[in-house]
Amino acid sequence: MNINGKITYVWKNICLIFYYSALRHFPSSSNPFFGKLSRILRYHCCRNIFQYCGKNVNIERKSWFGSGKKLVIGDNSGLGKNCVVPSNLVIGKDVMMGPNCFILAANHAIDSIEIPMIQQGHADPKITVIEDDVWIGRQVLFTPGRIVKKGSIIAAGCILTKDFPEYSIIGGNPSTLIRKRN
């Protein structure tokens, strides 16, 4: 690693520490007093953490994204309040995410019936991809490796267990197609 690589590595880690120790707890972007400032500070900090962070990105209060080093988020998108997402998530442009969303990266390994599940560890992590122009409602849970296609809407409280075509309206537990938007 050259000197510039070391400086970048150190700077990313400083930003990550500052985010989790302070900025994560700043007021929500809708707060009338310090919301705008909080949003700006979180954005500028996360631009230094994420693999890619587009323009006008909103990282809401108490969002959790692990190390964020492989997180990609497009223009005009955001992470909702209190969301928990993996550090290898891909989010397209114009994505709205409601509060309390949870995206899993991996499940427990369950392949052997000879070994207790608790001793089998975890399955390999899977990357979740959320394409452009997606609306994710409040308290949506994603199972690992989901691909949310362009123009889809995921209803509040949905447990997203499978993938659906573009412009789908999805809801329920387990997830089902409610109807198509087009």
Protein backbone atom coordinates (compact mmCIF):
# COMPACT_ATOMS: atom_id res chain seq x y z
CA MET A 1 0.00 0.00 0.00
CA ASN A 2 1.46 3.37 -0.99
CA ILE A 3 1.35 6.52 1.14
CA ASN A 4 -1.85 7.82 -0.55
CA GLY A 5 -3.53 4.47 0.07
CA LYS A 6 -2.57 4.60 3.75
CA ILE A 7 -3.84 8.15 4.10
CA THR A 8 -7.14 7.21 2.43
CA TYR A 9 -7.48 4.15 4.68
CA VAL A 10 -6.85 6.22 7.82
CA TRP A 11 -9.23 9.00 6.68
CA LYS A 12 -12.03 6.48 5.93
CA ASN A 13 -11.62 4.99 9.39
CA ILE A 14 -11.64 8.43 11.05
CA CYS A 15 -14.88 9.24 9.20
CA LEU A 16 -16.37 5.88 10.18
CA ILE A 17 -15.54 6.45 13.87
CA PHE A 18 -16.93 9.99 13.72
CA TYR A 19 -20.14 8.76 12.07
CA TYR A 20 -20.83 6.01 14.63
CA SER A 21 -19.74 8.01 17.68
CA ALA A 22 -21.46 11.31 16.85
CA LEU A 23 -23.16 11.92 13.50
CA ARG A 24 -25.37 8.84 13.71
CA HIS A 25 -27.01 10.37 16.77
CA PHE A 26 -27.56 13.86 15.33
CA PRO A 27 -31.19 14.90 14.71
CA SER A 28 -33.26 13.58 11.83
CA SER A 29 -33.13 15.53 8.58
CA SER A 30 -36.75 16.60 9.18
CA ASN A 31 -35.88 18.27 12.49
CA PRO A 32 -36.74 21.99 12.12
CA PHE A 33 -33.69 23.22 14.05
CA PHE A 34 -30.66 21.10 13.15
CA GLY A 35 -32.06 18.70 10.55
CA LYS A 36 -30.52 20.33 7.48
CA LEU A 37 -27.09 20.62 9.11
CA SER A 38 -27.26 17.01 10.36
CA ARG A 39 -28.13 15.78 6.87
CA ILE A 40 -25.23 17.70 5.29
CA LEU A 41 -22.70 16.48 7.87
CA ARG A 42 -23.78 12.83 7.55
CA TYR A 43 -23.65 13.06 3.75
CA HIS A 44 -20.14 14.53 3.63
CA CYS A 45 -18.88 12.00 6.15
CA CYS A 46 -20.41 9.01 4.32
CA ARG A 47 -19.02 10.19 0.97
CA ASN A 48 -15.62 9.38 2.48
CA ILE A 49 -16.73 5.98 3.79
CA PHE A 50 -18.80 4.43 0.98
CA GLN A 51 -17.37 2.94 -2.19
CA TYR A 52 -19.64 5.37 -4.06
CA CYS A 53 -22.03 8.02 -2.77
CA GLY A 54 -24.01 10.01 -5.35
CA LYS A 55 -25.35 13.55 -5.15
CA ASN A 56 -28.12 14.57 -2.77
CA VAL A 57 -27.96 11.36 -0.71
CA ASN A 58 -29.74 11.34 2.67
CA ILE A 59 -28.33 9.10 5.40
CA GLU A 60 -30.94 9.32 8.14
CA ARG A 61 -30.46 9.29 11.88
CA LYS A 62 -29.23 6.01 13.41
CA SER A 63 -28.64 4.26 10.08
CA TRP A 64 -26.27 1.32 10.45
CA PHE A 65 -24.18 0.13 7.48
CA GLY A 66 -21.27 -1.80 8.99
CA SER A 67 -17.97 -0.65 7.55
CA GLY A 68 -19.74 0.73 4.46
CA LYS A 69 -16.62 0.09 2.39
CA LYS A 70 -18.47 -1.70 -0.44
CA LEU A 71 -21.72 0.25 -0.16
CA VAL A 72 -22.85 1.97 -3.37
CA ILE A 73 -25.68 4.50 -3.27
CA GLY A 74 -26.90 6.54 -6.25
CA ASP A 75 -28.09 10.12 -6.63
CA ASN A 76 -31.19 11.27 -4.71
CA SER A 77 -31.39 8.07 -2.65
CA GLY A 78 -31.20 7.45 1.07
CA LEU A 79 -31.02 5.15 4.03
CA GLY A 80 -34.06 5.39 6.31
CA LYS A 81 -34.10 6.18 10.02
CA ASN A 82 -32.89 3.26 12.17
CA CYS A 83 -32.22 1.06 9.14
CA VAL A 84 -29.66 -1.73 9.29
CA VAL A 85 -28.01 -2.61 5.98
CA PRO A 86 -24.92 -4.63 5.03
CA SER A 87 -21.71 -2.92 3.98
CA ASN A 88 -21.92 -4.47 0.48
CA LEU A 89 -25.33 -3.11 -0.54
CA VAL A 90 -25.98 -1.56 -3.98
CA ILE A 91 -28.69 1.13 -4.16
CA GLY A 92 -29.57 2.86 -7.45
CA LYS A 93 -30.83 6.39 -8.10
CA ASP A 94 -34.03 7.91 -6.67
CA VAL A 95 -34.59 5.23 -4.02
CA MET A 96 -36.75 6.08 -0.99
CA MET A 97 -36.34 3.95 2.13
CA GLY A 98 -38.69 4.20 5.10
CA PRO A 99 -37.60 3.83 8.71
CA ASN A 100 -36.64 0.61 10.46
CA CYS A 101 -35.74 -1.39 7.34
CA PHE A 102 -33.44 -4.37 7.78
CA ILE A 103 -31.43 -5.98 4.98
CA LEU A 104 -29.73 -9.27 5.74
CA ALA A 105 -26.43 -10.18 4.06
CA ALA A 106 -26.26 -13.85 5.13
CA ASN A 107 -28.18 -16.59 6.89
CA HIS A 108 -27.01 -19.36 9.17
CA ALA A 109 -25.66 -22.44 7.43
CA ILE A 110 -28.11 -25.35 7.76
CA ASP A 111 -26.71 -27.88 5.27
CA SER A 112 -25.81 -30.67 7.69
CA ILE A 113 -28.31 -32.42 9.93
CA GLU A 114 -25.39 -34.15 11.70
CA ILE A 115 -24.06 -30.86 13.14
CA PRO A 116 -26.17 -28.52 15.29
CA MET A 117 -27.07 -25.38 13.34
CA ILE A 118 -25.41 -23.17 15.93
CA GLN A 119 -22.06 -24.84 15.12
CA GLN A 120 -22.36 -24.55 11.31
CA GLY A 121 -21.60 -20.85 11.12
CA HIS A 122 -22.98 -18.63 8.38
CA ALA A 123 -23.63 -19.19 4.70
CA ASP A 124 -21.67 -17.03 2.25
CA PRO A 125 -22.87 -13.42 2.19
CA LYS A 126 -25.03 -12.35 -0.75
CA ILE A 127 -25.25 -8.89 -2.29
CA THR A 128 -28.61 -7.14 -2.29
CA VAL A 129 -29.26 -4.82 -5.24
CA ILE A 130 -31.96 -2.14 -5.24
CA GLU A 131 -32.37 -0.69 -8.72
CA ASP A 132 -33.48 2.87 -9.64
CA ASP A 133 -36.78 4.51 -8.67
CA VAL A 134 -37.78 2.15 -5.85
CA TRP A 135 -39.93 3.00 -2.83
CA ILE A 136 -39.34 0.85 0.27
CA GLY A 137 -41.94 1.29 3.01
CA ARG A 138 -41.50 1.23 6.77
CA GLN A 139 -40.13 -1.90 8.51
CA VAL A 140 -39.34 -3.96 5.43
CA LEU A 141 -37.13 -7.01 6.00
CA PHE A 142 -35.00 -8.28 3.10
CA THR A 143 -33.67 -11.83 3.06
CA PRO A 144 -30.11 -12.11 1.68
CA GLY A 145 -29.39 -11.53 -2.01
CA ARG A 146 -32.62 -9.88 -3.10
CA ILE A 147 -32.75 -7.90 -6.34
CA VAL A 148 -35.42 -5.22 -6.29
CA LYS A 149 -36.15 -4.23 -9.88
CA LYS A 150 -36.61 -0.73 -11.27
CA GLY A 151 -39.79 1.15 -10.38
CA SER A 152 -40.95 -1.28 -7.68
CA ILE A 153 -42.81 -0.45 -4.48
CA ILE A 154 -42.38 -2.60 -1.37
CA ALA A 155 -45.23 -2.15 1.09
CA ALA A 156 -44.65 -1.42 4.76
CA GLY A 157 -44.01 -4.48 6.91
CA CYS A 158 -43.19 -6.71 3.95
CA ILE A 159 -40.83 -9.66 4.40
CA LEU A 160 -39.08 -9.70 1.02
CA THR A 161 -38.26 -13.37 0.35
CA LYS A 162 -37.98 -13.46 -3.46
CA ASP A 163 -37.39 -11.28 -6.50
CA PHE A 164 -40.12 -9.72 -8.67
CA PRO A 165 -40.23 -8.08 -12.14
CA GLU A 166 -39.86 -4.33 -12.78
CA TYR A 167 -42.66 -1.99 -11.66
CA SER A 168 -44.10 -4.46 -9.14
CA ILE A 169 -46.04 -3.54 -6.03
CA ILE A 170 -45.02 -6.10 -3.42
CA GLY A 171 -46.34 -6.75 0.07
CA GLY A 172 -47.04 -9.32 2.73
CA ASN A 173 -45.31 -12.03 4.69
CA PRO A 174 -44.04 -13.85 2.75
CA SER A 175 -43.81 -11.33 -0.07
CA THR A 176 -46.34 -11.57 -2.90
CA LEU A 177 -47.08 -9.53 -5.99
CA ILE A 178 -50.01 -7.20 -5.26
CA ARG A 179 -50.13 -5.78 -8.77
CA LYS A 180 -48.00 -4.28 -11.55
CA ARG A 181 -47.60 -0.48 -11.88
CA ASN A 182 -47.58 -0.49 -15.69
